Amino acid sequence: MLSTLPRLIGHRGAKESAPENTLASLREAARQGAAWVEVDVMLTRDRVPVLIHDDTLERTTNGAGPVPALTLAELKALDAGSWFDTRFAGETVPTLEEALGVIRKLGLGLNLEIKPYPGQEVVTADVALDLLTRLWPAGLPLLVSSFEVPCLEVARDRAPEIPRGYLLWDPPADWAAIADRIGAATLNVHQDPQTAESVAAYRATGRPVLAYTVNDAARARTLFGWGVAGVFTDAPGRLAAELAAATTP
């Protein structure tokens, strides 16, 4: 079980201020005071784990088509920053290894979401876990999460010492049994439909609840009041300041 969890986790870095899942976004999250970041990992055609959220390239690069259709060299030739702002022109899709190096240097905790292209659940988890077990330092907190149960089963079997977060969007009826089976350390839930009752039901399993994605201070305060341990936010600095201002006499 995780000993500590932050109240705020930078979602894909600090995606309100920098292009998501880039090294620039990780550095921006740290600059804003985030203690942890969350990033997504998927495989290239040559099975290199890289940071990207969507199955396809169009939204966050100047490329097109499925992510696993490109080799790492082909992916690295794309611009992953200009779509957000011309200030980030030339930013590339980072490899997981590159991102881990930056996160380690910044001294941040990490929630790595395994985000496989459909049909690549097992291999994506296997490759990502291999890298994590070799490169992640013992002194920094780490959580591996996924919506895909096969990914979490691989994580459980390959690296049982790394805590696992079960991501839930529209929970199946047997979500609690699945959480037990995969040995989930946290329940990472979509914040929109949550109520005091639903959070209580999640917490009744004995697991901390993390909620995504929260960019509004009033909503964050409500969730914290219901017992949510932490929230994923696109704006860790702004949200921290707004929460602090609300509690200042």
Protein backbone atom coordinates (compact mmCIF):
# COMPACT_ATOMS: atom_id res chain seq x y z
CA MET A 1 0.00 0.00 0.00
CA LEU A 2 1.15 3.51 -0.70
CA SER A 3 2.24 5.30 2.46
CA THR A 4 1.42 8.77 1.17
CA LEU A 5 -0.57 10.26 -1.68
CA PRO A 6 -0.54 13.87 -2.80
CA ARG A 7 -3.68 15.99 -2.82
CA LEU A 8 -2.88 17.17 -6.36
CA ILE A 9 -1.33 15.18 -9.22
CA GLY A 10 -0.31 16.90 -12.45
CA HIS A 11 -2.43 15.34 -15.22
CA ARG A 12 -0.24 14.52 -18.23
CA GLY A 13 2.18 16.96 -16.65
CA ALA A 14 0.55 20.37 -16.51
CA LYS A 15 -1.55 20.23 -19.65
CA GLU A 16 -3.31 23.53 -19.08
CA SER A 17 0.04 25.29 -19.54
CA ALA A 18 2.10 23.02 -21.81
CA PRO A 19 1.53 20.28 -24.40
CA GLU A 20 0.42 17.15 -22.60
CA ASN A 21 2.71 14.16 -22.09
CA THR A 22 5.84 16.07 -23.14
CA LEU A 23 9.03 16.74 -21.22
CA ALA A 24 8.07 20.43 -21.22
CA SER A 25 4.81 19.56 -19.49
CA LEU A 26 6.61 17.52 -16.83
CA ARG A 27 8.98 20.38 -16.11
CA GLU A 28 6.07 22.83 -16.01
CA ALA A 29 4.24 20.66 -13.47
CA ALA A 30 7.31 20.68 -11.25
CA ARG A 31 7.68 24.44 -11.69
CA GLN A 32 4.08 24.84 -10.53
CA GLY A 33 4.83 22.85 -7.38
CA ALA A 34 3.32 19.47 -8.24
CA ALA A 35 4.71 16.63 -6.13
CA TRP A 36 3.49 13.94 -8.55
CA VAL A 37 2.73 13.71 -12.26
CA GLU A 38 0.58 11.32 -14.25
CA VAL A 39 1.49 10.26 -17.80
CA ASP A 40 0.23 7.76 -20.37
CA VAL A 41 2.33 5.12 -22.09
CA MET A 42 1.80 3.30 -25.40
CA LEU A 43 4.08 1.32 -27.75
CA THR A 44 5.53 2.27 -31.11
CA ARG A 45 5.71 -0.23 -33.98
CA ASP A 46 9.15 -1.29 -32.79
CA ARG A 47 7.78 -1.69 -29.27
CA VAL A 48 9.37 1.31 -27.62
CA PRO A 49 7.19 2.76 -24.83
CA VAL A 50 6.37 6.42 -25.45
CA LEU A 51 4.23 9.06 -23.74
CA ILE A 52 0.99 9.69 -25.63
CA HIS A 53 -2.69 9.53 -24.69
CA ASP A 54 -4.66 8.95 -27.87
CA ASP A 55 -4.59 5.85 -30.07
CA THR A 56 -3.99 8.16 -33.03
CA LEU A 57 -1.55 10.99 -33.68
CA GLU A 58 -3.73 13.79 -35.03
CA ARG A 59 -4.72 15.64 -31.86
CA THR A 60 -1.30 16.07 -30.24
CA THR A 61 1.19 15.91 -33.13
CA ASN A 62 1.44 16.96 -36.76
CA GLY A 63 1.27 13.30 -37.76
CA ALA A 64 -1.67 11.08 -38.65
CA GLY A 65 -2.77 7.50 -38.13
CA PRO A 66 -2.42 4.97 -35.32
CA VAL A 67 0.47 5.36 -32.89
CA PRO A 68 1.73 1.76 -33.34
CA ALA A 69 1.95 2.23 -37.11
CA LEU A 70 5.12 4.31 -36.63
CA THR A 71 8.58 3.34 -35.46
CA LEU A 72 10.25 5.42 -32.78
CA ALA A 73 12.39 7.16 -35.41
CA GLU A 74 9.30 8.09 -37.40
CA LEU A 75 7.48 9.29 -34.29
CA LYS A 76 10.46 11.38 -33.19
CA ALA A 77 10.33 13.24 -36.50
CA LEU A 78 6.92 14.66 -35.55
CA ASP A 79 6.22 17.94 -33.76
CA ALA A 80 4.33 17.37 -30.51
CA GLY A 81 4.30 20.97 -29.31
CA SER A 82 3.12 23.42 -31.97
CA TRP A 83 -0.51 22.28 -31.77
CA PHE A 84 -0.57 23.73 -28.25
CA ASP A 85 1.46 26.89 -28.83
CA THR A 86 4.23 27.89 -31.21
CA ARG A 87 6.46 28.40 -28.16
CA PHE A 88 6.64 24.61 -27.95
CA ALA A 89 7.52 24.02 -31.60
CA GLY A 90 9.98 21.16 -31.90
CA GLU A 91 8.83 19.39 -28.73
CA THR A 92 8.80 15.66 -29.47
CA VAL A 93 6.91 12.66 -28.17
CA PRO A 94 9.19 11.45 -25.37
CA THR A 95 10.13 7.87 -24.75
CA LEU A 96 9.21 6.50 -21.35
CA GLU A 97 12.92 6.21 -20.61
CA GLU A 98 13.45 9.92 -21.36
CA ALA A 99 10.47 10.85 -19.21
CA LEU A 100 11.62 8.72 -16.29
CA GLY A 101 15.00 10.45 -16.41
CA VAL A 102 13.39 13.90 -16.19
CA ILE A 103 10.92 12.85 -13.49
CA ARG A 104 13.72 11.36 -11.41
CA LYS A 105 15.82 14.52 -11.70
CA LEU A 106 12.83 16.63 -10.69
CA GLY A 107 12.22 14.37 -7.67
CA LEU A 108 8.56 13.76 -8.51
CA GLY A 109 6.28 10.87 -7.74
CA LEU A 110 4.76 9.14 -10.76
CA ASN A 111 1.43 7.63 -11.70
CA LEU A 112 2.15 5.76 -14.93
CA GLU A 113 -1.05 4.94 -16.79
CA ILE A 114 -0.63 1.99 -19.12
CA LYS A 115 -2.68 3.07 -22.13
CA PRO A 116 -2.35 0.26 -24.67
CA TYR A 117 -3.44 0.38 -28.26
CA PRO A 118 -6.37 -2.09 -28.52
CA GLY A 119 -5.05 -5.63 -28.63
CA GLN A 120 -1.67 -4.71 -27.13
CA GLU A 121 -2.62 -4.81 -23.46
CA VAL A 122 -0.24 -7.54 -22.31
CA VAL A 123 2.82 -6.53 -24.32
CA THR A 124 2.46 -2.84 -23.42
CA ALA A 125 2.28 -3.64 -19.73
CA ASP A 126 5.17 -6.08 -19.99
CA VAL A 127 7.48 -3.60 -21.75
CA ALA A 128 6.55 -0.71 -19.43
CA LEU A 129 7.02 -2.79 -16.29
CA ASP A 130 10.38 -4.03 -17.52
CA LEU A 131 11.59 -0.45 -17.86
CA LEU A 132 10.13 0.66 -14.53
CA THR A 133 11.70 -2.18 -12.57
CA ARG A 134 15.10 -1.34 -14.06
CA LEU A 135 15.06 2.45 -13.91
CA TRP A 136 12.72 3.69 -11.18
CA PRO A 137 14.56 4.67 -7.97
CA ALA A 138 13.48 3.17 -4.68
CA GLY A 139 13.23 6.55 -2.99
CA LEU A 140 10.44 8.01 -5.15
CA PRO A 141 6.75 7.02 -5.00
CA LEU A 142 5.27 5.12 -7.93
CA LEU A 143 1.78 3.99 -8.91
CA VAL A 144 0.92 2.02 -12.05
CA SER A 145 -2.65 2.35 -13.26
CA SER A 146 -4.84 1.25 -16.15
CA PHE A 147 -8.43 0.87 -17.25
CA GLU A 148 -7.41 -2.46 -18.75
CA VAL A 149 -7.52 -5.35 -16.27
CA PRO A 150 -5.03 -7.48 -18.27
CA CYS A 151 -2.47 -4.68 -17.88
CA LEU A 152 -2.93 -4.68 -14.14
CA GLU A 153 -2.69 -8.47 -14.01
CA VAL A 154 0.67 -8.26 -15.77
CA ALA A 155 1.77 -5.58 -13.30
CA ARG A 156 0.65 -7.73 -10.37
CA ASP A 157 2.54 -10.76 -11.63
CA ARG A 158 5.66 -9.05 -12.97
CA ALA A 159 6.24 -6.41 -10.30
CA PRO A 160 3.98 -7.08 -7.31
CA GLU A 161 5.93 -4.57 -5.23
CA ILE A 162 4.72 -1.65 -7.38
CA PRO A 163 1.30 -0.40 -6.21
CA ARG A 164 -1.50 -0.63 -8.76
CA GLY A 165 -4.37 1.79 -9.37
CA TYR A 166 -7.60 0.50 -10.90
CA LEU A 167 -8.96 3.16 -13.27
CA LEU A 168 -12.74 3.31 -13.48
CA TRP A 169 -14.91 5.24 -15.93
CA ASP A 170 -18.18 3.30 -16.00
CA PRO A 171 -17.51 0.69 -13.31
CA PRO A 172 -18.60 -2.90 -14.01
CA ALA A 173 -20.90 -4.51 -11.49
CA ASP A 174 -18.03 -6.61 -10.15
CA TRP A 175 -15.52 -3.75 -9.82
CA ALA A 176 -14.83 -4.55 -6.14
CA ALA A 177 -14.05 -8.20 -6.91
CA ILE A 178 -11.76 -7.13 -9.75
CA ALA A 179 -9.98 -4.68 -7.46
CA ASP A 180 -9.39 -7.51 -5.00
CA ARG A 181 -8.17 -9.88 -7.72
CA ILE A 182 -5.62 -7.46 -9.13
CA GLY A 183 -4.56 -6.28 -5.68
CA ALA A 184 -5.44 -2.66 -6.39
CA ALA A 185 -3.84 -0.14 -4.03
CA THR A 186 -6.05 2.75 -5.20
CA LEU A 187 -9.30 3.32 -7.05
CA ASN A 188 -8.89 6.06 -9.66
CA VAL A 189 -12.37 7.27 -10.58
CA HIS A 190 -13.97 9.71 -13.01
CA GLN A 191 -14.98 12.70 -10.90
CA ASP A 192 -18.12 13.84 -12.75
CA PRO A 193 -20.63 11.24 -11.51
CA GLN A 194 -19.28 10.99 -7.98
CA THR A 195 -21.47 11.58 -4.94
CA ALA A 196 -20.82 11.28 -1.23
CA GLU A 197 -22.40 7.82 -1.40
CA SER A 198 -20.33 6.56 -4.31
CA VAL A 199 -17.08 7.75 -2.75
CA ALA A 200 -18.09 6.08 0.53
CA ALA A 201 -18.68 2.81 -1.35
CA TYR A 202 -15.24 2.97 -2.94
CA ARG A 203 -13.58 3.85 0.37
CA ALA A 204 -15.40 0.99 2.09
CA THR A 205 -13.04 -1.40 0.27
CA GLY A 206 -10.19 0.09 2.33
CA ARG A 207 -8.54 1.77 -0.65
CA PRO A 208 -7.76 5.46 -1.17
CA VAL A 209 -9.80 7.12 -3.90
CA LEU A 210 -8.19 9.37 -6.53
CA ALA A 211 -10.43 11.39 -8.86
CA TYR A 212 -9.80 12.67 -12.39
CA THR A 213 -9.79 15.31 -13.87
CA VAL A 214 -10.46 18.20 -11.48
CA ASN A 215 -9.66 21.79 -12.44
CA ASP A 216 -12.22 23.60 -10.29
CA ALA A 217 -11.39 24.45 -6.68
CA ALA A 218 -14.99 24.19 -5.46
CA ARG A 219 -15.32 20.70 -6.92
CA ALA A 220 -11.98 19.68 -5.44
CA ARG A 221 -13.08 20.86 -1.98
CA THR A 222 -16.29 18.88 -2.30
CA LEU A 223 -14.44 15.72 -3.29
CA PHE A 224 -11.93 16.15 -0.47
CA GLY A 225 -14.84 16.61 1.92
CA TRP A 226 -16.24 13.26 0.82
CA GLY A 227 -12.93 11.59 1.56
CA VAL A 228 -11.21 11.57 -1.84
CA ALA A 229 -7.48 11.36 -1.13
CA GLY A 230 -6.23 13.24 -4.20
CA VAL A 231 -7.21 14.61 -7.59
CA PHE A 232 -5.61 14.67 -11.00
CA THR A 233 -5.53 18.20 -12.38
CA ASP A 234 -4.41 19.90 -15.58
CA ALA A 235 -3.42 22.96 -13.54
CA PRO A 236 -1.61 21.94 -10.34
CA GLY A 237 -0.27 25.41 -9.59
CA ARG A 238 -3.49 27.30 -10.21
CA LEU A 239 -5.64 24.79 -8.34
CA ALA A 240 -3.26 24.76 -5.37
CA ALA A 241 -3.37 28.56 -5.20
CA GLU A 242 -7.16 28.65 -5.43
CA LEU A 243 -7.54 26.02 -2.72
CA ALA A 244 -5.09 27.90 -0.48
CA ALA A 245 -6.90 31.20 -1.06
CA ALA A 246 -10.21 29.64 -0.07
CA THR A 247 -8.80 28.60 3.31
CA THR A 248 -6.96 31.87 4.06
CA PRO A 249 -8.83 34.03 6.60
